[in-house]
Amino acid sequence: MRVLIVGDAREADPVKEGLRASGVAVDRRGDGPPPDHRSEEIAEIARELREFEGLLADPEAGAVLVASDSPAALAAVVVATKAGIPVARLEQPGEGGGEDVNGRVIRRLADTTLARDPAAVEQWVRAGYPARE
């Protein structure tokens, strides 16, 4: 099984390296530059949806871990949810129910929220990607 990490949060690289060190196959996908206009963001989400449909169609795709509230992270969560692939999101610092639409949809669709710690993510993977209770 392979975990796909999407987003540019500072903790994404240590999580990736921690999982790899424990024998978990990991792919990493960054966010890309933020769009200048709302219409560009919609077009970017559409492109990302198509890209993630291809990536997550792989039978080795085991889980998605999102490390931002970017258009790429939103697209990955939507495709993974549709495909029945477990989704976790890394807890965002200072999170308090912000008004960002991407973040609200991601929080709603993610199966669980994990601490920004490689050990917490590894535990989730080793436990078989459990959803929050």
Foldseek 3Di string as FASTA:
>chain_A
DEEEEEEDAPLPVVLCVLCVVVPHHYHYHYQPDADPDPVVLVVVLVVLLVVLLVVCVPPPHAEYEYEDLHSNSLSNLVNCLVVVHAYEYEDDPPDDPDDDPSVVSSVVRHQYYFYSDNVRVNVCVVVRNHGDD
